[in-house]
N, C-alpha and C. Protein backbone atom coordinates (compact mmCIF):
# COMPACT_ATOMS: atom_id res chain seq x y z
N UNK A 1 115.75 93.90 83.61
CA UNK A 1 116.74 93.61 84.22
C UNK A 1 116.13 92.59 85.50
N UNK A 2 116.60 91.35 85.30
CA UNK A 2 116.10 90.25 86.46
C UNK A 2 117.28 89.92 87.42
N UNK A 3 117.16 89.63 88.78
CA UNK A 3 118.17 89.29 89.43
C UNK A 3 118.25 87.73 89.30
N UNK A 4 119.57 87.34 89.68
CA UNK A 4 119.79 85.61 89.52
C UNK A 4 119.39 85.03 90.83
N UNK A 5 119.17 83.78 90.33
CA UNK A 5 118.72 83.08 91.68
C UNK A 5 120.05 81.98 92.12
N UNK A 6 120.64 81.87 93.23
CA UNK A 6 121.65 81.38 93.49
C UNK A 6 121.24 80.03 94.54
N UNK A 7 120.27 80.33 95.47
CA UNK A 7 119.86 79.51 96.50
C UNK A 7 118.34 78.79 96.33
N UNK A 8 118.30 77.94 96.91
CA UNK A 8 117.05 77.38 97.17
C UNK A 8 116.59 76.96 98.50
N UNK A 9 115.34 77.14 98.95
CA UNK A 9 115.16 76.52 100.24
C UNK A 9 114.78 74.90 100.25
N UNK A 10 115.11 74.45 101.19
CA UNK A 10 114.70 72.77 101.23
C UNK A 10 114.12 72.53 102.82
N UNK A 11 113.12 72.12 102.64
CA UNK A 11 112.31 71.72 104.11
C UNK A 11 112.50 70.46 104.16
N UNK A 12 113.06 70.05 105.37
CA UNK A 12 113.33 68.50 105.95
C UNK A 12 112.31 68.37 107.00
N UNK A 13 111.55 67.09 106.97
CA UNK A 13 110.69 66.85 107.94
C UNK A 13 110.79 65.15 108.02
N UNK A 14 110.01 64.75 109.17
CA UNK A 14 109.57 63.45 109.53
C UNK A 14 108.32 63.01 109.11
N UNK A 15 108.08 61.90 108.07
CA UNK A 15 107.03 61.78 107.82
C UNK A 15 106.21 60.68 109.01
N UNK A 16 105.22 60.30 108.88
CA UNK A 16 104.30 59.50 109.82
C UNK A 16 104.87 58.16 110.10
N UNK A 17 105.85 57.77 109.28
CA UNK A 17 106.62 56.52 109.53
C UNK A 17 107.90 56.61 110.18
N UNK A 18 108.23 57.93 110.50
CA UNK A 18 109.48 58.33 111.22
C UNK A 18 110.39 58.38 109.98
N UNK A 19 110.36 58.62 108.67
CA UNK A 19 111.45 58.65 107.76
C UNK A 19 111.64 60.15 107.32
N UNK A 20 112.80 60.50 107.40
CA UNK A 20 113.23 61.82 107.16
C UNK A 20 113.11 62.10 105.46
N UNK A 21 112.33 63.08 105.12
CA UNK A 21 112.14 63.43 103.84
C UNK A 21 112.33 65.05 103.45
N UNK A 22 112.38 65.09 102.38
CA UNK A 22 112.76 66.84 102.13
C UNK A 22 111.72 67.21 100.70
N UNK A 23 111.47 68.43 100.75
CA UNK A 23 110.89 69.12 99.76
C UNK A 23 111.66 70.61 99.41
N UNK A 24 112.08 70.35 98.08
CA UNK A 24 112.89 71.46 97.67
C UNK A 24 112.09 72.57 96.84
N UNK A 25 112.64 73.73 96.97
CA UNK A 25 111.81 74.59 96.35
C UNK A 25 111.69 74.55 94.93
N UNK A 26 112.55 74.00 94.47
CA UNK A 26 112.64 73.60 92.74
C UNK A 26 112.91 72.30 92.51
N UNK A 27 111.60 71.64 91.92
CA UNK A 27 111.74 70.34 91.40
C UNK A 27 112.61 69.71 90.25
N UNK A 28 113.05 68.56 90.53
CA UNK A 28 114.18 68.36 89.59
C UNK A 28 113.82 69.04 88.11
N UNK A 29 112.72 69.14 87.71
CA UNK A 29 112.49 69.70 86.19
C UNK A 29 112.55 71.09 86.10
N UNK A 30 113.13 71.67 87.36
CA UNK A 30 113.33 73.12 87.15
C UNK A 30 112.07 74.11 87.32
N UNK A 31 110.86 73.32 87.81
CA UNK A 31 109.87 74.38 88.21
C UNK A 31 109.56 74.51 89.73
N UNK A 32 109.08 75.33 90.11
CA UNK A 32 108.93 76.00 91.50
C UNK A 32 108.06 75.81 92.15
N UNK A 33 108.31 75.16 93.43
CA UNK A 33 107.35 74.80 94.31
C UNK A 33 106.96 76.17 95.37
N UNK A 34 105.94 76.71 95.79
CA UNK A 34 105.92 77.80 96.76
C UNK A 34 105.91 77.46 98.08
N UNK A 35 106.41 78.16 98.90
CA UNK A 35 106.21 77.78 100.47
C UNK A 35 104.95 77.45 100.87
N UNK A 36 103.80 78.05 100.65
CA UNK A 36 102.66 77.84 101.05
C UNK A 36 101.98 77.00 100.36
N UNK A 37 102.45 76.05 99.20
CA UNK A 37 101.96 74.69 98.85
C UNK A 37 101.92 73.66 99.89
N UNK A 38 103.02 73.54 100.48
CA UNK A 38 103.16 72.70 101.66
C UNK A 38 103.23 73.52 102.81
N UNK A 39 102.43 74.32 103.23
CA UNK A 39 101.86 74.91 104.66
C UNK A 39 101.82 74.03 105.60
N UNK A 40 101.44 72.72 105.43
CA UNK A 40 100.81 71.75 106.49
C UNK A 40 102.06 71.09 106.94
N UNK A 41 102.83 71.00 106.17
CA UNK A 41 104.09 70.15 106.59
C UNK A 41 104.87 71.26 107.82
N UNK A 42 105.56 70.24 109.15
CA UNK A 42 106.16 71.49 109.93
C UNK A 42 107.47 70.83 109.99
N UNK A 43 108.18 71.51 108.93
CA UNK A 43 109.75 71.07 109.00
C UNK A 43 110.69 70.63 110.21
N UNK A 44 111.63 69.90 110.56
CA UNK A 44 112.42 69.90 111.58
C UNK A 44 113.73 70.39 111.30
N UNK A 45 114.03 70.86 110.02
CA UNK A 45 115.25 71.53 109.50
C UNK A 45 115.04 72.17 108.17
N UNK A 46 115.59 73.20 107.80
CA UNK A 46 115.34 74.15 106.76
C UNK A 46 116.88 74.20 106.31
N UNK A 47 117.10 74.10 104.96
CA UNK A 47 118.23 74.43 104.31
C UNK A 47 118.27 75.30 103.34
N UNK A 48 119.09 76.21 103.35
CA UNK A 48 119.51 76.93 102.29
C UNK A 48 120.44 76.73 101.21
N UNK A 49 120.47 75.89 100.37
CA UNK A 49 121.24 75.39 99.51
C UNK A 49 121.83 76.04 98.24
N UNK A 50 122.98 75.75 97.85
CA UNK A 50 123.00 76.42 96.32
C UNK A 50 122.34 75.56 95.24
N UNK A 51 122.15 76.00 93.93
CA UNK A 51 121.64 75.56 93.02
C UNK A 51 122.47 74.80 92.18
N UNK A 52 122.28 73.58 91.95
CA UNK A 52 123.22 72.68 91.20
C UNK A 52 123.34 73.02 89.82
N UNK A 53 124.45 72.68 88.80
CA UNK A 53 124.39 73.18 87.49
C UNK A 53 123.24 72.44 86.89
N UNK A 54 122.91 71.16 87.09
CA UNK A 54 121.82 70.55 86.14
C UNK A 54 120.30 71.19 86.71
N UNK A 55 120.28 71.48 87.99
CA UNK A 55 118.83 72.29 88.06
C UNK A 55 118.90 73.93 87.44
N UNK A 56 119.88 74.27 87.48
CA UNK A 56 120.18 75.72 87.09
C UNK A 56 119.73 75.54 85.36
N UNK A 57 120.28 74.51 84.56
CA UNK A 57 119.75 74.48 83.39
C UNK A 57 118.28 74.03 83.08
N UNK A 58 117.75 73.42 84.10
CA UNK A 58 116.30 73.19 84.07
C UNK A 58 115.56 74.35 84.41
N UNK A 59 116.05 75.24 85.42
CA UNK A 59 115.36 76.34 85.43
C UNK A 59 115.14 77.14 84.53
N UNK A 60 116.58 77.53 83.97
CA UNK A 60 116.63 78.39 82.52
C UNK A 60 115.58 77.94 81.62
N UNK A 61 115.42 76.82 81.36
CA UNK A 61 114.34 76.27 80.33
C UNK A 61 112.78 76.99 80.71
N UNK A 62 112.45 77.04 81.87
CA UNK A 62 111.34 77.71 82.32
C UNK A 62 111.51 79.27 82.26
N UNK A 63 112.63 79.96 82.16
CA UNK A 63 112.90 81.39 82.13
C UNK A 63 112.94 81.70 83.60
N UNK A 64 113.38 80.65 84.36
CA UNK A 64 113.88 81.23 85.79
C UNK A 64 115.32 81.38 85.82
N UNK A 65 115.90 82.61 86.27
CA UNK A 65 117.52 82.66 85.94
C UNK A 65 118.06 82.14 87.21
N UNK A 66 118.12 80.87 87.34
CA UNK A 66 118.88 79.91 88.20
C UNK A 66 120.40 79.88 87.53
N UNK A 67 121.37 79.98 88.69
CA UNK A 67 122.81 79.87 88.35
C UNK A 67 123.44 78.86 89.47
N UNK A 68 124.33 78.30 89.12
CA UNK A 68 125.11 77.31 89.84
C UNK A 68 126.46 78.13 90.16
N UNK A 69 126.63 78.48 91.48
CA UNK A 69 127.78 79.11 92.06
C UNK A 69 128.10 78.28 93.36
N UNK A 70 129.46 78.03 93.22
CA UNK A 70 129.89 77.34 94.77
C UNK A 70 129.69 78.13 95.80
N UNK A 71 128.64 77.95 96.37
CA UNK A 71 128.34 78.70 97.63
C UNK A 71 128.25 77.64 98.92
N UNK A 72 128.52 78.30 100.12
CA UNK A 72 128.14 77.36 101.37
C UNK A 72 126.52 76.87 101.67
N UNK A 73 126.20 75.70 102.32
CA UNK A 73 124.88 75.42 102.59
C UNK A 73 124.71 75.93 104.04
N UNK A 74 123.31 76.47 104.15
CA UNK A 74 123.18 76.94 105.72
C UNK A 74 122.09 75.97 106.14
N UNK A 75 122.26 75.62 107.29
CA UNK A 75 121.19 74.57 107.90
C UNK A 75 120.73 75.34 109.30
N UNK A 76 119.39 75.35 109.39
CA UNK A 76 118.68 75.50 110.43
C UNK A 76 117.86 74.59 111.18
N UNK A 77 118.20 74.22 112.34
CA UNK A 77 117.39 73.18 113.27
C UNK A 77 115.94 73.85 113.74
N UNK A 78 115.02 73.07 113.69
CA UNK A 78 113.79 73.81 114.20
C UNK A 78 112.84 73.18 115.12
N UNK A 79 112.36 73.89 115.88
CA UNK A 79 111.25 73.20 117.14
C UNK A 79 109.90 73.00 116.43
N UNK A 80 109.48 71.99 117.13
CA UNK A 80 107.80 72.02 116.57
C UNK A 80 107.02 72.87 116.34
N UNK A 81 107.05 73.75 117.46
CA UNK A 81 106.21 74.96 117.65
C UNK A 81 106.72 76.36 116.80
N UNK A 82 107.85 76.21 116.04
CA UNK A 82 108.44 77.19 115.44
C UNK A 82 107.52 77.49 114.16
N UNK A 83 107.30 79.01 113.93
CA UNK A 83 106.68 79.04 112.72
C UNK A 83 107.28 79.98 111.80
N UNK A 84 107.93 79.07 110.88
CA UNK A 84 109.24 79.73 109.84
C UNK A 84 108.58 79.74 108.65
N UNK A 85 109.14 80.66 107.96
CA UNK A 85 108.95 81.01 106.42
C UNK A 85 110.33 81.01 105.75
N UNK A 86 110.61 81.10 104.42
CA UNK A 86 111.77 81.38 103.86
C UNK A 86 111.29 82.01 102.46
N UNK A 87 111.86 83.18 102.06
CA UNK A 87 111.62 83.91 100.91
C UNK A 87 112.79 84.80 100.30
N UNK A 88 112.43 85.37 99.19
CA UNK A 88 113.61 86.23 98.63
C UNK A 88 113.15 87.50 98.90
N UNK A 89 114.22 88.52 98.98
CA UNK A 89 113.97 89.92 98.72
C UNK A 89 115.09 90.67 97.80
N UNK A 90 114.85 91.51 97.07
CA UNK A 90 115.78 91.74 96.02
C UNK A 90 116.19 93.51 96.46
N UNK A 91 117.61 93.53 96.40
CA UNK A 91 118.15 94.84 96.71
C UNK A 91 118.93 95.30 95.59
N UNK A 92 118.61 96.51 95.39
CA UNK A 92 119.36 97.00 94.26
C UNK A 92 120.63 97.84 94.55
N UNK A 93 121.62 97.79 94.12
CA UNK A 93 122.79 98.61 94.50
C UNK A 93 123.11 99.42 93.26
N UNK A 94 123.52 100.89 93.66
CA UNK A 94 124.15 101.75 92.59
C UNK A 94 125.29 102.08 93.11
N UNK A 95 126.18 102.32 91.96
CA UNK A 95 127.65 102.89 92.13
C UNK A 95 127.87 103.41 90.73
N UNK A 96 129.27 104.14 90.66
CA UNK A 96 129.62 104.35 89.36
C UNK A 96 131.24 104.24 89.35
N UNK A 97 131.63 103.99 87.96
CA UNK A 97 133.08 103.92 87.78
C UNK A 97 133.30 104.71 86.76
N UNK A 98 134.71 105.30 86.38
CA UNK A 98 135.17 105.86 85.22
C UNK A 98 136.23 105.17 84.08
N UNK A 99 135.86 105.58 83.12
CA UNK A 99 136.53 104.81 82.18
C UNK A 99 137.37 105.73 81.37
N UNK A 100 138.83 105.58 81.11
CA UNK A 100 139.49 106.43 80.59
C UNK A 100 139.61 106.15 78.81
N UNK A 101 139.23 107.02 78.42
CA UNK A 101 139.41 106.74 76.51
C UNK A 101 140.62 106.89 76.00
N UNK A 102 141.82 107.32 76.69
CA UNK A 102 142.98 107.52 76.36
C UNK A 102 143.79 106.12 76.44
N UNK A 103 143.57 105.31 77.61
CA UNK A 103 144.57 104.13 77.97
C UNK A 103 143.61 103.13 78.31
N UNK A 104 142.17 103.09 78.34
CA UNK A 104 141.17 102.24 78.42
C UNK A 104 141.12 101.54 80.10
N UNK A 105 141.51 102.44 80.89
CA UNK A 105 141.54 102.07 82.22
C UNK A 105 140.28 102.36 82.91
N UNK A 106 139.80 101.23 83.79
CA UNK A 106 138.78 101.73 84.54
C UNK A 106 138.99 101.58 85.97
N UNK A 107 138.39 102.66 86.68
CA UNK A 107 138.36 102.85 88.28
C UNK A 107 137.26 103.63 88.79
N UNK A 108 137.38 103.51 90.18
CA UNK A 108 136.44 104.11 91.06
C UNK A 108 136.86 105.30 91.32
N UNK A 109 136.25 106.59 91.43
CA UNK A 109 136.73 107.91 91.60
C UNK A 109 135.94 108.03 93.16
N UNK A 110 136.47 108.22 94.15
CA UNK A 110 135.95 108.49 95.47
C UNK A 110 135.98 109.68 96.18
N UNK A 111 136.90 110.52 95.46
CA UNK A 111 136.92 112.00 96.27
C UNK A 111 136.07 112.88 95.42
N UNK A 112 134.71 113.29 95.85
CA UNK A 112 134.10 114.12 95.10
C UNK A 112 134.37 115.63 95.10
N UNK A 113 135.28 115.84 95.77
CA UNK A 113 135.88 117.37 95.89
C UNK A 113 136.90 117.53 94.82
N UNK A 114 137.25 116.52 94.14
CA UNK A 114 138.36 116.74 93.01
C UNK A 114 137.74 116.15 91.50
N UNK A 115 138.19 116.92 90.65
CA UNK A 115 137.62 116.31 88.96
C UNK A 115 138.54 114.96 89.04
N UNK A 116 137.75 113.99 88.21
CA UNK A 116 138.46 112.63 88.12
C UNK A 116 139.69 112.81 87.34
N UNK A 117 140.84 111.94 87.72
CA UNK A 117 141.91 111.88 87.06
C UNK A 117 142.26 110.45 87.01
N UNK A 118 142.67 109.82 85.64
CA UNK A 118 143.21 108.69 85.42
C UNK A 118 144.25 108.23 86.23
N UNK A 119 144.20 106.89 87.12
CA UNK A 119 145.15 106.63 87.93
C UNK A 119 146.46 106.19 86.93
N UNK A 120 146.13 105.74 85.66
CA UNK A 120 147.17 104.90 84.85
C UNK A 120 148.16 105.91 84.06
N UNK A 121 147.42 106.98 83.44
CA UNK A 121 147.75 107.72 82.33
C UNK A 121 147.65 109.12 82.89
N UNK A 122 146.90 109.68 83.64
CA UNK A 122 146.85 110.96 84.27
C UNK A 122 146.03 111.57 83.47
N UNK A 123 145.36 111.27 82.74
CA UNK A 123 144.24 111.72 81.51
C UNK A 123 143.10 112.42 82.61
N UNK A 124 142.74 113.57 82.08
CA UNK A 124 141.52 114.41 82.78
C UNK A 124 140.61 114.81 81.58
N UNK A 125 139.52 115.11 82.01
CA UNK A 125 138.64 115.94 80.89
C UNK A 125 139.14 117.49 80.71
N UNK A 126 139.00 117.99 79.42
CA UNK A 126 139.82 119.13 78.93
C UNK A 126 138.70 120.36 79.09
N UNK A 127 139.00 121.50 79.52
CA UNK A 127 137.81 122.73 79.60
C UNK A 127 138.64 123.69 78.95
N UNK A 128 137.47 124.38 78.25
CA UNK A 128 138.27 125.65 77.51
C UNK A 128 137.25 126.75 77.37
N UNK A 129 137.66 127.85 77.06
CA UNK A 129 136.92 128.87 76.97
C UNK A 129 136.79 129.65 75.79
N UNK A 130 135.48 129.51 75.28
CA UNK A 130 135.31 129.93 73.77
C UNK A 130 135.61 131.34 73.51
N UNK A 131 135.29 132.04 74.74
CA UNK A 131 135.49 133.82 74.48
C UNK A 131 137.22 134.13 74.50
N UNK A 132 137.80 133.56 75.42
CA UNK A 132 139.40 133.94 75.51
C UNK A 132 140.34 133.06 74.98
N UNK A 133 139.57 131.86 74.41
CA UNK A 133 140.46 130.84 73.79
C UNK A 133 141.38 130.11 74.77
N UNK A 134 141.50 130.19 76.17
CA UNK A 134 142.20 129.60 76.94
C UNK A 134 141.85 128.24 77.13
N UNK A 135 142.74 127.07 77.46
CA UNK A 135 142.57 125.91 78.12
C UNK A 135 142.59 126.32 79.62
N UNK A 136 141.69 125.77 80.29
CA UNK A 136 141.67 125.95 82.00
C UNK A 136 142.27 124.53 82.40
N UNK A 137 142.90 124.74 83.34
CA UNK A 137 143.40 123.73 84.33
C UNK A 137 142.46 123.24 85.21
N UNK A 138 142.42 122.05 85.50
CA UNK A 138 141.05 121.21 86.21
C UNK A 138 141.15 121.87 87.28
N UNK A 139 142.24 122.30 88.06
CA UNK A 139 142.37 122.73 89.47
C UNK A 139 141.67 124.00 89.63
N UNK A 140 141.60 124.76 88.45
CA UNK A 140 140.92 125.98 88.49
C UNK A 140 139.40 126.08 87.87
N UNK A 141 139.05 124.85 87.53
CA UNK A 141 137.52 124.94 87.44
C UNK A 141 136.91 124.51 88.46
N UNK A 142 135.81 125.57 88.77
CA UNK A 142 135.20 125.43 90.23
C UNK A 142 133.58 125.84 89.86
N UNK A 143 132.93 124.75 90.40
CA UNK A 143 131.24 125.13 90.04
C UNK A 143 130.98 126.32 91.04
N UNK A 144 130.15 127.14 90.59
CA UNK A 144 129.44 128.11 91.43
C UNK A 144 128.02 127.58 92.05
N UNK A 145 127.61 128.53 92.64
CA UNK A 145 126.31 128.05 93.56
C UNK A 145 125.06 127.47 92.79
N UNK A 146 125.12 127.89 91.62
CA UNK A 146 124.06 127.19 90.75
C UNK A 146 124.48 126.07 89.80
N UNK A 147 125.75 125.47 90.15
CA UNK A 147 126.38 124.41 89.68
C UNK A 147 127.19 124.77 88.11
N UNK A 148 127.10 126.03 87.86
CA UNK A 148 127.84 126.40 86.34
C UNK A 148 129.54 126.45 86.90
N UNK A 149 129.97 126.16 85.61
CA UNK A 149 131.71 126.21 85.45
C UNK A 149 131.94 127.42 84.55
N UNK A 150 132.66 128.49 85.16
CA UNK A 150 132.63 129.71 84.47
C UNK A 150 134.26 129.84 84.09
N UNK A 151 134.84 130.68 83.08
CA UNK A 151 135.93 130.86 82.85
C UNK A 151 136.84 131.91 84.08
N UNK A 152 137.69 131.45 84.80
CA UNK A 152 138.36 132.26 85.79
C UNK A 152 139.27 133.29 85.13
N UNK A 153 139.37 133.43 83.95
CA UNK A 153 139.99 134.54 83.48
C UNK A 153 139.26 135.76 82.87
N UNK A 154 137.99 135.38 82.49
CA UNK A 154 137.21 136.48 81.78
C UNK A 154 136.49 137.47 82.79
N UNK A 155 136.23 138.43 82.82
CA UNK A 155 135.92 139.63 83.52
C UNK A 155 134.40 139.21 83.57
N UNK A 156 133.69 139.13 82.42
CA UNK A 156 132.46 138.88 82.56
C UNK A 156 132.15 137.26 82.32
N UNK A 157 131.32 136.63 83.41
CA UNK A 157 131.32 135.29 83.46
C UNK A 157 131.08 134.58 81.96
N UNK A 158 131.52 133.46 81.81
CA UNK A 158 131.38 132.94 80.59
C UNK A 158 131.82 131.55 80.53
N UNK A 159 130.47 130.63 80.28
CA UNK A 159 130.83 129.32 80.59
C UNK A 159 131.81 128.44 79.79
N UNK A 160 132.28 127.38 80.38
CA UNK A 160 133.15 126.35 79.75
C UNK A 160 132.89 125.39 79.03
N UNK A 161 133.50 124.99 78.16
CA UNK A 161 133.28 123.85 77.07
C UNK A 161 134.20 122.70 77.66
N UNK A 162 133.46 121.60 77.59
CA UNK A 162 134.13 120.41 78.42
C UNK A 162 134.06 119.52 77.48
N UNK A 163 135.51 118.89 77.33
CA UNK A 163 135.84 117.70 76.19
C UNK A 163 135.91 116.37 77.21
N UNK A 164 134.96 115.63 77.15
CA UNK A 164 134.96 114.33 77.94
C UNK A 164 136.32 113.55 77.46
N UNK A 165 137.15 113.02 78.26
CA UNK A 165 138.21 112.17 77.80
C UNK A 165 138.02 110.88 78.94
N UNK A 166 136.92 111.42 80.07
CA UNK A 166 136.92 110.26 81.18
C UNK A 166 135.39 109.89 81.07
N UNK A 167 134.82 108.72 80.82
CA UNK A 167 133.64 108.39 80.83
C UNK A 167 133.21 107.98 82.43
N UNK A 168 131.84 108.68 82.70
CA UNK A 168 131.36 108.11 83.91
C UNK A 168 130.35 107.07 83.67
N UNK A 169 130.42 105.69 84.19
CA UNK A 169 129.57 104.82 83.99
C UNK A 169 128.90 104.48 85.28
N UNK A 170 127.32 104.41 85.09
CA UNK A 170 126.69 103.97 86.23
C UNK A 170 126.55 102.58 86.39
N UNK A 171 127.01 102.04 87.51
CA UNK A 171 126.63 100.50 87.69
C UNK A 171 125.45 100.24 88.61
N UNK A 172 124.68 99.20 88.08
CA UNK A 172 123.57 98.86 88.70
C UNK A 172 123.39 97.60 88.88
N UNK A 173 123.61 96.99 90.07
CA UNK A 173 123.44 95.46 90.48
C UNK A 173 122.16 95.37 91.23
N UNK A 174 121.44 94.32 90.74
CA UNK A 174 120.25 93.77 91.31
C UNK A 174 120.97 92.61 92.07
N UNK A 175 120.38 92.62 93.65
CA UNK A 175 120.81 90.99 94.44
C UNK A 175 119.80 90.58 94.83
N UNK A 176 119.88 89.28 94.91
CA UNK A 176 118.77 88.30 95.54
C UNK A 176 119.21 88.32 97.03
N UNK A 177 118.66 88.45 97.95
CA UNK A 177 118.70 88.19 99.07
C UNK A 177 117.79 87.01 99.66
N UNK A 178 118.17 85.99 100.32
CA UNK A 178 117.46 84.91 100.96
C UNK A 178 117.31 85.17 102.38
N UNK A 179 115.98 85.39 102.71
CA UNK A 179 115.54 85.68 104.00
C UNK A 179 114.84 84.37 104.91
N UNK A 180 115.28 84.04 106.12
CA UNK A 180 114.71 83.02 106.71
C UNK A 180 114.15 83.47 108.12
N UNK A 181 112.85 83.29 108.24
CA UNK A 181 112.34 84.08 109.47
C UNK A 181 111.50 82.93 110.34
N UNK A 182 111.89 83.29 111.53
CA UNK A 182 111.13 82.22 112.61
C UNK A 182 110.53 83.28 113.35
N UNK A 183 109.10 83.33 113.42
CA UNK A 183 108.10 84.09 113.97
C UNK A 183 108.47 84.43 115.62
N UNK A 184 108.73 85.63 115.87
CA UNK A 184 109.19 86.10 117.19
C UNK A 184 110.25 85.76 117.47
N UNK A 185 111.14 85.15 116.86
CA UNK A 185 112.53 84.87 117.20
C UNK A 185 113.68 85.58 116.40
N UNK A 186 113.96 85.41 115.01
CA UNK A 186 114.95 86.05 114.42
C UNK A 186 114.57 85.91 113.15
N UNK A 187 115.31 86.61 112.47
CA UNK A 187 115.06 86.88 110.84
C UNK A 187 116.50 86.97 110.34
N UNK A 188 116.75 86.15 109.52
CA UNK A 188 118.34 85.88 108.65
C UNK A 188 118.28 86.37 107.32
N UNK A 189 119.05 87.30 107.04
CA UNK A 189 119.10 87.59 105.66
C UNK A 189 120.61 86.89 104.99
N UNK A 190 120.70 86.08 104.04
CA UNK A 190 121.66 85.66 103.41
C UNK A 190 122.09 86.20 102.12
N UNK A 191 123.02 87.22 102.20
CA UNK A 191 123.70 87.88 100.90
C UNK A 191 124.77 87.41 100.51
N UNK A 192 125.28 87.59 99.28
CA UNK A 192 126.55 86.82 98.66
C UNK A 192 127.48 87.10 99.51
N UNK A 193 127.71 88.17 100.08
CA UNK A 193 128.93 88.37 101.00
C UNK A 193 128.86 88.55 102.44
N UNK A 194 127.82 88.40 102.95
CA UNK A 194 127.45 88.43 104.21
C UNK A 194 126.07 87.74 104.66
N UNK A 195 126.03 87.68 106.05
CA UNK A 195 124.76 86.93 106.65
C UNK A 195 124.31 87.92 107.76
N UNK A 196 122.82 88.69 107.73
CA UNK A 196 122.54 89.37 108.82
C UNK A 196 121.69 88.58 109.48
N UNK A 197 121.65 88.70 111.03
CA UNK A 197 120.88 88.25 111.87
C UNK A 197 119.86 89.35 112.81
N UNK A 198 118.83 89.47 112.69
CA UNK A 198 117.91 90.42 113.62
C UNK A 198 116.98 89.67 114.30
N UNK A 199 117.26 90.15 115.67
CA UNK A 199 115.96 89.40 116.82
C UNK A 199 114.82 89.98 116.59
N UNK A 200 113.65 89.38 116.61
CA UNK A 200 112.33 89.80 116.33
C UNK A 200 111.58 89.81 117.74
């Protein structure tokens, strides 16, 4: 699994003739320039800009997972003595959701004290005891301290058989965070839905 790249950094600087120029992280042919390749350049501004459709296509030709998404541009004005760097940081988020095999509904079940129940059709997993032959209501199915579920009707503990009608599906999302750091001042992390600022 590889996280997608939605942004690139762009160094903006003034050359010896006083003309404003820029160095993008990705060249027009989709190949990458590394931050340290132009370490001698002291930018006056740093942009974190979304990838264009054309650039994303060129990046993908080089097996770089660039995507074009309509996102805002972030602009940082810099002082001549600022020591700045920009880089990626990957974050992996895990969660889960349920899928009902009866009515094909998907949802997030957030109450871990109760067995999952489909909000659309009311379907739940079915529990039966092979010893006494009873179908056990979900409200009576309780895990013991060892994590076992036993028949509440049988005098001698006997495990229940579970018929899964609700599938629990694990979601793994790998996000790319874009970080701008100005030494001894601040660190900004740009995520898809938030921007975090930390003083250094």
